[in-house]
Amino acid sequence: MAAAIQPGVRVNLELRAAGAVARVTIDNAARLNILGSAFMAEFVAKVTTLGEREDLRAVVLTGAGERAFIGGADIREMAELDAARAREFITHLHRVCAALRDLPVPVIARINGYALGAGLEVAAACDLRVAAASAVFGMPEVRVGIPSVIEAALLPSLIGWGRTRELLLLGESIDADTALRWGLVERVVPLDGLDAAVEACLGALLKAGPRATRLQKKLIRQWEDLPVGGAIAAGIDTFAEAYATNEPSRLMRAFLDRPRR
């Protein structure tokens, strides 16, 4: 009899003509793909290694099964924490989110079910979010005696302060259509169309210049931390940096030389 597959973080690499696409799966479907310390350490190690690939073009992050993207952090583990271990635990979770934000290429969250608490923070740390119509979003931490922290700080820039307060203070969940209307996700499709919607995003990403895409993600990250004047100045520097290789002239020439209808 074959050994049972243990829960873990699965990385599948697809080598395409335009470059490599990595699919990262949180595989703990029996427990709604929740994140405990062991999962978090494995995740950070594998995602950091992915980021070292020069041929990497995009990453798709999802949860195993159809019930959950990431159902949250491990409450059983958190129930046993003291203040010192709580700091360590939440720092590990921040590193999960930071590993995604620090990847040099776009990350697409393929949200196939519950994205609660830590799961929503991880989704917010991705660059694009494509959700199944059955997906559910929420930040229920206050209901179990803790505040929502770390990458929950990304939510106001996505959905505004009022809706962030509603999610964090009331601890109530919202459906995918509401998440789309609020700007929490970019696309909502039926579950059976989720892979096609993700593939459509990948197709668009892979048509872009590889170096331009990396520069764009880096610049967007800078914009998050800079005042408007500094953000504009950073853009000027990044535009000039793009011309350090022949990618702009090559792609512009291809555009100009395309067949006319």
Protein backbone atom coordinates (compact mmCIF):
# COMPACT_ATOMS: atom_id res chain seq x y z
CA MET A 1 0.00 0.00 0.00
CA ALA A 2 1.34 3.43 -0.97
CA ALA A 3 2.22 5.77 1.88
CA ALA A 4 -0.21 8.59 2.54
CA ILE A 5 0.90 11.98 1.24
CA GLN A 6 1.80 14.19 4.17
CA PRO A 7 0.52 17.78 4.39
CA GLY A 8 3.03 20.31 3.15
CA VAL A 9 3.82 23.09 0.72
CA ARG A 10 3.88 21.79 -2.86
CA VAL A 11 5.81 23.60 -5.60
CA ASN A 12 5.25 22.67 -9.24
CA LEU A 13 7.34 24.41 -11.86
CA GLU A 14 6.10 24.76 -15.43
CA LEU A 15 8.76 25.60 -17.99
CA ARG A 16 7.07 27.55 -20.78
CA ALA A 17 8.50 29.23 -23.86
CA ALA A 18 8.26 32.62 -22.15
CA GLY A 19 9.80 31.40 -18.89
CA ALA A 20 8.98 29.49 -15.72
CA VAL A 21 5.64 29.62 -13.92
CA ALA A 22 5.54 28.24 -10.37
CA ARG A 23 2.40 26.89 -8.74
CA VAL A 24 2.61 26.86 -4.95
CA THR A 25 -0.05 24.90 -3.08
CA ILE A 26 -0.74 24.91 0.65
CA ASP A 27 -1.65 21.24 0.97
CA ASN A 28 -3.51 20.63 4.22
CA ALA A 29 -7.03 20.31 2.87
CA ALA A 30 -8.30 18.22 5.78
CA ARG A 31 -7.72 21.25 8.04
CA LEU A 32 -8.71 23.97 5.54
CA ASN A 33 -5.04 24.60 4.66
CA ILE A 34 -4.42 26.41 7.93
CA LEU A 35 -0.94 27.72 8.69
CA GLY A 36 1.03 26.47 11.68
CA SER A 37 4.69 27.11 12.46
CA ALA A 38 6.01 24.13 10.49
CA PHE A 39 3.99 25.09 7.41
CA MET A 40 5.17 28.68 7.65
CA ALA A 41 8.85 27.73 7.86
CA GLU A 42 8.51 25.38 4.89
CA PHE A 43 6.64 28.01 2.89
CA VAL A 44 9.22 30.75 3.44
CA ALA A 45 12.11 28.44 2.54
CA LYS A 46 10.51 27.23 -0.69
CA VAL A 47 9.23 30.60 -1.87
CA THR A 48 12.57 32.27 -1.13
CA THR A 49 14.32 29.61 -3.21
CA LEU A 50 11.86 30.23 -6.07
CA GLY A 51 12.74 33.90 -6.07
CA GLU A 52 16.35 33.08 -6.93
CA ARG A 53 15.37 31.71 -10.36
CA GLU A 54 16.26 34.16 -13.11
CA ASP A 55 13.80 32.50 -15.50
CA LEU A 56 10.83 32.86 -13.12
CA ARG A 57 7.99 34.89 -14.64
CA ALA A 58 5.05 34.41 -12.26
CA VAL A 59 3.82 32.48 -9.23
CA VAL A 60 0.32 31.14 -8.62
CA LEU A 61 -0.57 30.51 -4.97
CA THR A 62 -3.55 28.38 -3.94
CA GLY A 63 -4.86 25.94 -1.35
CA ALA A 64 -5.48 22.25 -1.86
CA GLY A 65 -9.05 21.08 -2.45
CA GLU A 66 -12.09 23.25 -3.09
CA ARG A 67 -13.01 24.34 0.44
CA ALA A 68 -10.23 26.75 1.33
CA PHE A 69 -7.48 28.97 0.03
CA ILE A 70 -6.06 29.34 3.53
CA GLY A 71 -8.55 29.01 6.36
CA GLY A 72 -6.40 30.97 8.81
CA ALA A 73 -3.61 30.37 11.30
CA ASP A 74 -3.58 27.29 13.52
CA ILE A 75 -5.84 28.11 16.50
CA ARG A 76 -4.75 24.97 18.34
CA GLU A 77 -1.19 26.23 18.28
CA MET A 78 -2.12 29.83 19.09
CA ALA A 79 -4.20 28.76 22.10
CA GLU A 80 -1.01 27.55 23.79
CA LEU A 81 1.11 30.66 23.20
CA ASP A 82 2.48 33.04 25.79
CA ALA A 83 3.57 36.60 24.98
CA ALA A 84 7.09 35.66 23.90
CA ARG A 85 5.98 32.77 21.70
CA ALA A 86 3.12 34.88 20.33
CA ARG A 87 5.67 37.39 19.03
CA GLU A 88 7.64 34.56 17.42
CA PHE A 89 4.52 33.01 15.86
CA ILE A 90 3.21 36.22 14.33
CA THR A 91 6.68 37.12 13.06
CA HIS A 92 6.76 33.79 11.22
CA LEU A 93 3.41 34.64 9.63
CA HIS A 94 4.70 38.06 8.61
CA ARG A 95 7.64 36.33 6.92
CA VAL A 96 5.21 34.24 4.87
CA CYS A 97 3.59 37.42 3.55
CA ALA A 98 6.92 39.17 3.10
CA ALA A 99 8.28 36.23 1.08
CA LEU A 100 5.47 36.76 -1.44
CA ARG A 101 5.88 40.53 -1.54
CA ASP A 102 9.65 40.17 -1.94
CA LEU A 103 9.39 37.84 -4.93
CA PRO A 104 10.67 39.73 -7.98
CA VAL A 105 7.73 38.55 -10.12
CA PRO A 106 3.94 38.90 -9.84
CA VAL A 107 2.07 36.52 -7.54
CA ILE A 108 -1.53 35.53 -8.36
CA ALA A 109 -3.69 34.32 -5.49
CA ARG A 110 -6.01 31.60 -6.79
CA ILE A 111 -8.68 31.83 -4.10
CA ASN A 112 -10.77 28.68 -4.15
CA GLY A 113 -12.67 28.88 -0.84
CA TYR A 114 -12.19 30.33 2.63
CA ALA A 115 -9.62 33.12 2.93
CA LEU A 116 -9.86 33.97 6.60
CA GLY A 117 -7.52 35.78 8.97
CA ALA A 118 -4.01 34.77 8.02
CA GLY A 119 -5.40 33.54 4.71
CA LEU A 120 -6.73 36.98 3.82
CA GLU A 121 -3.45 38.59 4.87
CA VAL A 122 -1.58 36.21 2.57
CA ALA A 123 -4.01 37.03 -0.24
CA ALA A 124 -3.47 40.75 0.36
CA ALA A 125 0.28 40.18 0.07
CA CYS A 126 -0.18 38.82 -3.46
CA ASP A 127 -0.19 41.10 -6.48
CA LEU A 128 -3.43 39.88 -8.06
CA ARG A 129 -6.38 38.01 -6.59
CA VAL A 130 -8.68 35.79 -8.66
CA ALA A 131 -11.50 34.24 -6.63
CA ALA A 132 -14.12 31.57 -7.09
CA ALA A 133 -17.68 32.81 -6.67
CA SER A 134 -17.96 30.51 -3.64
CA ALA A 135 -14.98 32.10 -1.85
CA VAL A 136 -15.48 33.66 1.59
CA PHE A 137 -13.34 36.41 3.09
CA GLY A 138 -13.00 37.59 6.67
CA MET A 139 -10.80 38.73 9.53
CA PRO A 140 -12.37 37.02 12.56
CA GLU A 141 -9.45 37.39 14.98
CA VAL A 142 -11.24 39.65 17.47
CA ARG A 143 -13.76 36.86 18.00
CA VAL A 144 -11.01 34.62 19.39
CA GLY A 145 -9.39 37.30 21.53
CA ILE A 146 -6.64 38.70 19.31
CA PRO A 147 -6.37 41.70 16.99
CA SER A 148 -5.73 41.46 13.27
CA VAL A 149 -2.14 42.57 12.70
CA ILE A 150 0.87 42.41 10.33
CA GLU A 151 -0.24 42.39 6.66
CA ALA A 152 -3.79 43.35 7.61
CA ALA A 153 -2.13 46.77 7.32
CA LEU A 154 -2.32 46.30 3.53
CA LEU A 155 -6.11 46.25 3.54
CA PRO A 156 -6.79 50.02 3.75
CA SER A 157 -4.97 50.60 0.47
CA LEU A 158 -7.15 47.94 -1.16
CA ILE A 159 -10.58 48.61 0.33
CA GLY A 160 -10.34 51.87 2.29
CA TRP A 161 -10.31 52.55 6.02
CA GLY A 162 -14.04 52.22 6.61
CA ARG A 163 -14.35 48.76 5.11
CA THR A 164 -11.10 47.70 6.79
CA ARG A 165 -12.59 48.72 10.15
CA GLU A 166 -15.75 46.81 9.32
CA LEU A 167 -13.82 43.61 8.60
CA LEU A 168 -11.44 43.89 11.56
CA LEU A 169 -13.76 45.22 14.28
CA LEU A 170 -16.93 43.26 13.49
CA GLY A 171 -15.13 40.04 12.55
CA GLU A 172 -17.83 39.24 9.99
CA SER A 173 -17.20 37.52 6.66
CA ILE A 174 -18.08 38.72 3.17
CA ASP A 175 -18.78 36.81 -0.03
CA ALA A 176 -16.84 36.99 -3.28
CA ASP A 177 -19.19 39.44 -4.99
CA THR A 178 -18.83 41.86 -2.08
CA ALA A 179 -15.05 41.39 -2.13
CA LEU A 180 -15.05 42.30 -5.83
CA ARG A 181 -17.23 45.34 -5.28
CA TRP A 182 -14.97 46.51 -2.45
CA GLY A 183 -11.79 46.03 -4.50
CA LEU A 184 -10.45 43.23 -2.32
CA VAL A 185 -10.14 40.93 -5.36
CA GLU A 186 -9.68 41.71 -9.04
CA ARG A 187 -11.77 38.94 -10.62
CA VAL A 188 -14.55 36.56 -9.53
CA VAL A 189 -15.53 33.55 -11.62
CA PRO A 190 -17.41 30.26 -11.11
CA LEU A 191 -15.26 27.63 -9.40
CA ASP A 192 -15.05 25.55 -12.58
CA GLY A 193 -13.71 28.62 -14.40
CA LEU A 194 -11.07 29.50 -11.82
CA ASP A 195 -8.14 27.87 -13.57
CA ALA A 196 -9.07 29.45 -16.90
CA ALA A 197 -9.25 32.89 -15.26
CA VAL A 198 -5.85 32.41 -13.66
CA GLU A 199 -4.46 31.24 -17.00
CA ALA A 200 -5.82 34.38 -18.66
CA CYS A 201 -3.87 36.49 -16.15
CA LEU A 202 -0.75 34.42 -16.75
CA GLY A 203 -1.15 34.79 -20.49
CA ALA A 204 -1.19 38.56 -20.19
CA LEU A 205 1.80 38.58 -17.83
CA LEU A 206 3.85 36.36 -20.11
CA LYS A 207 3.28 38.69 -23.07
CA ALA A 208 5.01 41.52 -21.21
CA GLY A 209 8.73 42.14 -21.05
CA PRO A 210 10.26 39.97 -18.30
CA ARG A 211 12.53 42.72 -17.04
CA ALA A 212 9.85 45.39 -17.34
CA THR A 213 7.51 43.25 -15.23
CA ARG A 214 10.13 42.83 -12.52
CA LEU A 215 10.89 46.55 -12.55
CA GLN A 216 7.17 47.33 -12.35
CA LYS A 217 6.63 45.13 -9.30
CA LYS A 218 9.66 46.64 -7.60
CA LEU A 219 8.39 50.15 -8.31
CA ILE A 220 4.90 49.39 -7.04
CA ARG A 221 6.44 48.21 -3.78
CA GLN A 222 8.38 51.49 -3.56
CA TRP A 223 5.20 53.50 -4.20
CA GLU A 224 3.59 51.89 -1.14
CA ASP A 225 6.19 53.47 1.15
CA LEU A 226 6.96 56.78 -0.56
CA PRO A 227 5.19 60.16 -0.58
CA VAL A 228 3.90 61.22 -3.98
CA GLY A 229 6.96 63.28 -4.88
CA GLY A 230 9.32 60.46 -3.99
CA ALA A 231 7.19 57.94 -5.87
CA ILE A 232 7.34 60.05 -9.04
CA ALA A 233 11.10 60.44 -8.72
CA ALA A 234 11.49 56.69 -8.25
CA GLY A 235 9.51 56.20 -11.45
CA ILE A 236 11.91 58.38 -13.41
CA ASP A 237 14.85 56.34 -12.14
CA THR A 238 13.07 53.07 -12.97
CA PHE A 239 12.20 54.25 -16.49
CA ALA A 240 15.85 55.02 -17.16
CA GLU A 241 16.87 51.69 -15.63
CA ALA A 242 14.63 49.87 -18.10
CA TYR A 243 16.92 51.02 -20.91
CA ALA A 244 19.97 49.31 -19.38
CA THR A 245 19.11 46.37 -21.68
CA ASN A 246 17.69 46.19 -25.20
CA GLU A 247 14.27 44.95 -23.99
CA PRO A 248 12.46 48.28 -24.64
CA SER A 249 13.88 48.81 -28.11
CA ARG A 250 13.35 45.16 -29.06
CA LEU A 251 9.71 45.05 -27.94
CA MET A 252 8.92 48.51 -29.31
CA ARG A 253 10.42 47.57 -32.68
CA ALA A 254 8.33 44.39 -32.72
CA PHE A 255 5.24 46.50 -31.98
CA LEU A 256 6.06 48.95 -34.78
CA ASP A 257 6.81 46.16 -37.24
CA ARG A 258 3.68 44.14 -36.51
CA PRO A 259 1.45 43.35 -39.51
CA ARG A 260 -1.21 46.00 -40.07
CA ARG A 261 -4.81 44.98 -40.65
